[in-house]
Amino acid sequence: MPEMGAGGFLLLLLEISLGVLALVFWYTMFKDNRKANEGYSRYMWSILIVVLPVLGAAVYFFTARKSRLAKEMAELEQDVNG
């Protein structure tokens, strides 16, 4: 087995860290989808997030989740303002 230098070890550590971050991001988006959406929308987003893990989670984050959070913020502002 070839020896791994300091650069190789740091690269391995970086790859593992990015993998863990991607897994946490994927899981967070999957749970957010299951909690926030209902019916057909929930199932379609779930399929997309599972079939294309990181890409599907990123698409969900930048489209559905952001629009839902914007609606919730607008509702909260209406409640506060009257």
N, C-alpha and C. Protein backbone atom coordinates (compact mmCIF):
# COMPACT_ATOMS: atom_id res chain seq x y z
N MET A 1 0.85 -1.18 0.00
CA MET A 1 0.00 0.00 0.00
C MET A 1 0.90 1.24 0.00
N PRO A 2 0.67 2.15 -0.96
CA PRO A 2 1.52 3.35 -1.00
C PRO A 2 1.22 4.26 0.18
N GLU A 3 2.26 4.95 0.61
CA GLU A 3 2.09 5.87 1.73
C GLU A 3 1.39 7.14 1.27
N MET A 4 0.58 7.67 2.15
CA MET A 4 -0.16 8.89 1.85
C MET A 4 0.56 10.04 2.56
N GLY A 5 0.92 11.04 1.79
CA GLY A 5 1.57 12.21 2.38
C GLY A 5 0.55 13.12 3.01
N ALA A 6 1.02 14.25 3.51
CA ALA A 6 0.13 15.21 4.16
C ALA A 6 -0.90 15.75 3.18
N GLY A 7 -0.50 15.98 1.92
CA GLY A 7 -1.44 16.48 0.91
C GLY A 7 -2.53 15.48 0.61
N GLY A 8 -2.17 14.21 0.53
CA GLY A 8 -3.16 13.17 0.28
C GLY A 8 -4.14 13.03 1.43
N PHE A 9 -3.63 13.14 2.63
CA PHE A 9 -4.50 13.06 3.81
C PHE A 9 -5.48 14.22 3.84
N LEU A 10 -4.98 15.43 3.55
CA LEU A 10 -5.87 16.60 3.54
C LEU A 10 -6.92 16.50 2.45
N LEU A 11 -6.53 15.97 1.30
CA LEU A 11 -7.49 15.78 0.23
C LEU A 11 -8.57 14.77 0.63
N LEU A 12 -8.16 13.68 1.26
CA LEU A 12 -9.11 12.68 1.73
C LEU A 12 -10.05 13.29 2.78
N LEU A 13 -9.51 14.07 3.68
CA LEU A 13 -10.31 14.73 4.71
C LEU A 13 -11.32 15.69 4.08
N LEU A 14 -10.90 16.42 3.06
CA LEU A 14 -11.78 17.34 2.34
C LEU A 14 -12.91 16.58 1.64
N GLU A 15 -12.58 15.49 0.99
CA GLU A 15 -13.59 14.68 0.30
C GLU A 15 -14.62 14.11 1.28
N ILE A 16 -14.16 13.62 2.40
CA ILE A 16 -15.08 13.08 3.40
C ILE A 16 -15.97 14.19 3.96
N SER A 17 -15.39 15.35 4.23
CA SER A 17 -16.17 16.47 4.76
C SER A 17 -17.23 16.92 3.77
N LEU A 18 -16.87 17.04 2.50
CA LEU A 18 -17.85 17.44 1.49
C LEU A 18 -18.95 16.38 1.33
N GLY A 19 -18.58 15.13 1.44
CA GLY A 19 -19.57 14.06 1.37
C GLY A 19 -20.56 14.12 2.52
N VAL A 20 -20.06 14.37 3.71
CA VAL A 20 -20.93 14.47 4.89
C VAL A 20 -21.84 15.69 4.76
N LEU A 21 -21.29 16.83 4.32
CA LEU A 21 -22.10 18.03 4.13
C LEU A 21 -23.19 17.81 3.09
N ALA A 22 -22.85 17.12 1.99
CA ALA A 22 -23.84 16.83 0.96
C ALA A 22 -24.94 15.92 1.52
N LEU A 23 -24.57 14.94 2.32
CA LEU A 23 -25.55 14.04 2.91
C LEU A 23 -26.47 14.78 3.87
N VAL A 24 -25.93 15.67 4.69
CA VAL A 24 -26.73 16.46 5.62
C VAL A 24 -27.68 17.38 4.86
N PHE A 25 -27.18 18.03 3.80
CA PHE A 25 -28.01 18.90 2.98
C PHE A 25 -29.15 18.11 2.33
N TRP A 26 -28.83 16.95 1.78
CA TRP A 26 -29.83 16.11 1.14
C TRP A 26 -30.91 15.70 2.15
N TYR A 27 -30.50 15.25 3.32
CA TYR A 27 -31.44 14.80 4.33
C TYR A 27 -32.33 15.96 4.81
N THR A 28 -31.74 17.14 4.98
CA THR A 28 -32.50 18.30 5.42
C THR A 28 -33.56 18.69 4.40
N MET A 29 -33.20 18.68 3.13
CA MET A 29 -34.16 19.04 2.08
C MET A 29 -35.26 17.97 1.96
N PHE A 30 -34.89 16.70 2.12
CA PHE A 30 -35.88 15.63 2.05
C PHE A 30 -36.89 15.77 3.19
N LYS A 31 -36.40 16.01 4.41
CA LYS A 31 -37.31 16.16 5.55
C LYS A 31 -38.16 17.41 5.41
N ASP A 32 -37.58 18.51 4.91
CA ASP A 32 -38.34 19.74 4.71
C ASP A 32 -39.47 19.51 3.72
N ASN A 33 -39.18 18.79 2.66
CA ASN A 33 -40.20 18.47 1.66
C ASN A 33 -41.32 17.64 2.27
N ARG A 34 -40.97 16.64 3.04
CA ARG A 34 -41.99 15.75 3.63
C ARG A 34 -42.87 16.52 4.62
N LYS A 35 -42.29 17.51 5.29
CA LYS A 35 -43.05 18.27 6.28
C LYS A 35 -43.91 19.35 5.63
N ALA A 36 -43.41 19.99 4.59
CA ALA A 36 -44.06 21.19 4.07
C ALA A 36 -45.06 20.93 2.94
N ASN A 37 -44.83 19.93 2.15
CA ASN A 37 -45.69 19.70 0.97
C ASN A 37 -46.70 18.61 1.24
N GLU A 38 -47.75 18.61 0.41
CA GLU A 38 -48.80 17.60 0.53
C GLU A 38 -49.11 17.01 -0.83
N GLY A 39 -49.63 15.80 -0.82
CA GLY A 39 -50.15 15.17 -2.02
C GLY A 39 -49.13 14.97 -3.12
N TYR A 40 -49.57 15.26 -4.34
CA TYR A 40 -48.78 15.02 -5.54
C TYR A 40 -47.45 15.75 -5.49
N SER A 41 -47.46 16.98 -5.02
CA SER A 41 -46.25 17.79 -4.94
C SER A 41 -45.21 17.11 -4.06
N ARG A 42 -45.63 16.60 -2.92
CA ARG A 42 -44.70 15.93 -2.00
C ARG A 42 -44.05 14.73 -2.67
N TYR A 43 -44.85 13.92 -3.36
CA TYR A 43 -44.31 12.71 -3.98
C TYR A 43 -43.37 13.03 -5.13
N MET A 44 -43.70 14.02 -5.93
CA MET A 44 -42.84 14.37 -7.06
C MET A 44 -41.50 14.94 -6.58
N TRP A 45 -41.53 15.80 -5.57
CA TRP A 45 -40.28 16.33 -5.03
C TRP A 45 -39.47 15.21 -4.38
N SER A 46 -40.14 14.30 -3.69
CA SER A 46 -39.42 13.19 -3.05
C SER A 46 -38.71 12.33 -4.08
N ILE A 47 -39.40 12.03 -5.17
CA ILE A 47 -38.79 11.23 -6.24
C ILE A 47 -37.58 11.96 -6.82
N LEU A 48 -37.73 13.26 -7.08
CA LEU A 48 -36.61 14.02 -7.64
C LEU A 48 -35.43 14.05 -6.68
N ILE A 49 -35.70 14.26 -5.40
CA ILE A 49 -34.62 14.35 -4.41
C ILE A 49 -33.93 13.00 -4.23
N VAL A 50 -34.68 11.90 -4.33
CA VAL A 50 -34.07 10.58 -4.16
C VAL A 50 -33.32 10.13 -5.41
N VAL A 51 -33.90 10.38 -6.59
CA VAL A 51 -33.28 9.92 -7.83
C VAL A 51 -32.03 10.74 -8.17
N LEU A 52 -32.08 12.03 -7.96
CA LEU A 52 -30.92 12.91 -8.21
C LEU A 52 -30.54 13.58 -6.89
N PRO A 53 -29.87 12.87 -6.00
CA PRO A 53 -29.72 13.31 -4.62
C PRO A 53 -29.28 14.76 -4.42
N VAL A 54 -28.08 15.11 -4.75
CA VAL A 54 -27.61 16.47 -4.46
C VAL A 54 -28.24 17.47 -5.42
N LEU A 55 -28.33 17.13 -6.69
CA LEU A 55 -28.94 18.03 -7.67
C LEU A 55 -30.41 18.26 -7.36
N GLY A 56 -31.16 17.20 -7.05
CA GLY A 56 -32.57 17.34 -6.72
C GLY A 56 -32.78 18.16 -5.46
N ALA A 57 -31.93 17.96 -4.46
CA ALA A 57 -32.04 18.74 -3.23
C ALA A 57 -31.72 20.21 -3.49
N ALA A 58 -30.74 20.49 -4.36
CA ALA A 58 -30.40 21.87 -4.69
C ALA A 58 -31.54 22.54 -5.45
N VAL A 59 -32.15 21.83 -6.39
CA VAL A 59 -33.29 22.39 -7.14
C VAL A 59 -34.43 22.68 -6.18
N TYR A 60 -34.70 21.76 -5.26
CA TYR A 60 -35.75 21.98 -4.27
C TYR A 60 -35.43 23.21 -3.42
N PHE A 61 -34.19 23.34 -2.98
CA PHE A 61 -33.78 24.45 -2.13
C PHE A 61 -33.99 25.79 -2.83
N PHE A 62 -33.59 25.88 -4.10
CA PHE A 62 -33.65 27.15 -4.81
C PHE A 62 -35.02 27.47 -5.40
N THR A 63 -35.93 26.50 -5.45
CA THR A 63 -37.25 26.78 -6.04
C THR A 63 -38.35 26.66 -5.00
N ALA A 64 -38.74 25.46 -4.69
CA ALA A 64 -39.91 25.23 -3.83
C ALA A 64 -39.71 25.74 -2.41
N ARG A 65 -38.59 25.46 -1.81
CA ARG A 65 -38.37 25.86 -0.42
C ARG A 65 -38.31 27.37 -0.28
N LYS A 66 -37.59 28.04 -1.17
CA LYS A 66 -37.47 29.50 -1.07
C LYS A 66 -38.82 30.17 -1.31
N SER A 67 -39.61 29.68 -2.25
CA SER A 67 -40.92 30.30 -2.50
C SER A 67 -41.86 30.08 -1.32
N ARG A 68 -41.78 28.91 -0.69
CA ARG A 68 -42.62 28.63 0.48
C ARG A 68 -42.22 29.52 1.64
N LEU A 69 -40.92 29.69 1.86
CA LEU A 69 -40.47 30.54 2.95
C LEU A 69 -40.84 32.00 2.71
N ALA A 70 -40.81 32.45 1.46
CA ALA A 70 -41.20 33.83 1.14
C ALA A 70 -42.68 34.04 1.44
N LYS A 71 -43.51 33.05 1.11
CA LYS A 71 -44.95 33.15 1.42
C LYS A 71 -45.18 33.20 2.93
N GLU A 72 -44.45 32.38 3.68
CA GLU A 72 -44.60 32.37 5.13
C GLU A 72 -44.17 33.71 5.73
N MET A 73 -43.10 34.29 5.21
CA MET A 73 -42.64 35.59 5.71
C MET A 73 -43.68 36.68 5.41
N ALA A 74 -44.29 36.64 4.22
CA ALA A 74 -45.32 37.62 3.87
C ALA A 74 -46.53 37.48 4.80
N GLU A 75 -46.93 36.25 5.12
CA GLU A 75 -48.03 36.02 6.04
C GLU A 75 -47.71 36.55 7.43
N LEU A 76 -46.48 36.34 7.88
CA LEU A 76 -46.08 36.85 9.20
C LEU A 76 -46.09 38.37 9.23
N GLU A 77 -45.65 39.02 8.15
CA GLU A 77 -45.68 40.48 8.09
C GLU A 77 -47.10 41.00 8.11
N GLN A 78 -48.01 40.30 7.44
CA GLN A 78 -49.42 40.71 7.46
C GLN A 78 -49.99 40.58 8.87
N ASP A 79 -49.64 39.51 9.56
CA ASP A 79 -50.13 39.31 10.92
C ASP A 79 -49.61 40.41 11.86
N VAL A 80 -48.35 40.79 11.67
CA VAL A 80 -47.75 41.79 12.53
C VAL A 80 -48.34 43.18 12.23
N ASN A 81 -48.53 43.46 10.94
CA ASN A 81 -49.02 44.79 10.54
C ASN A 81 -50.52 44.95 10.70
N GLY A 82 -51.21 43.93 10.89
CA GLY A 82 -52.63 44.10 11.14
C GLY A 82 -53.42 43.15 10.40
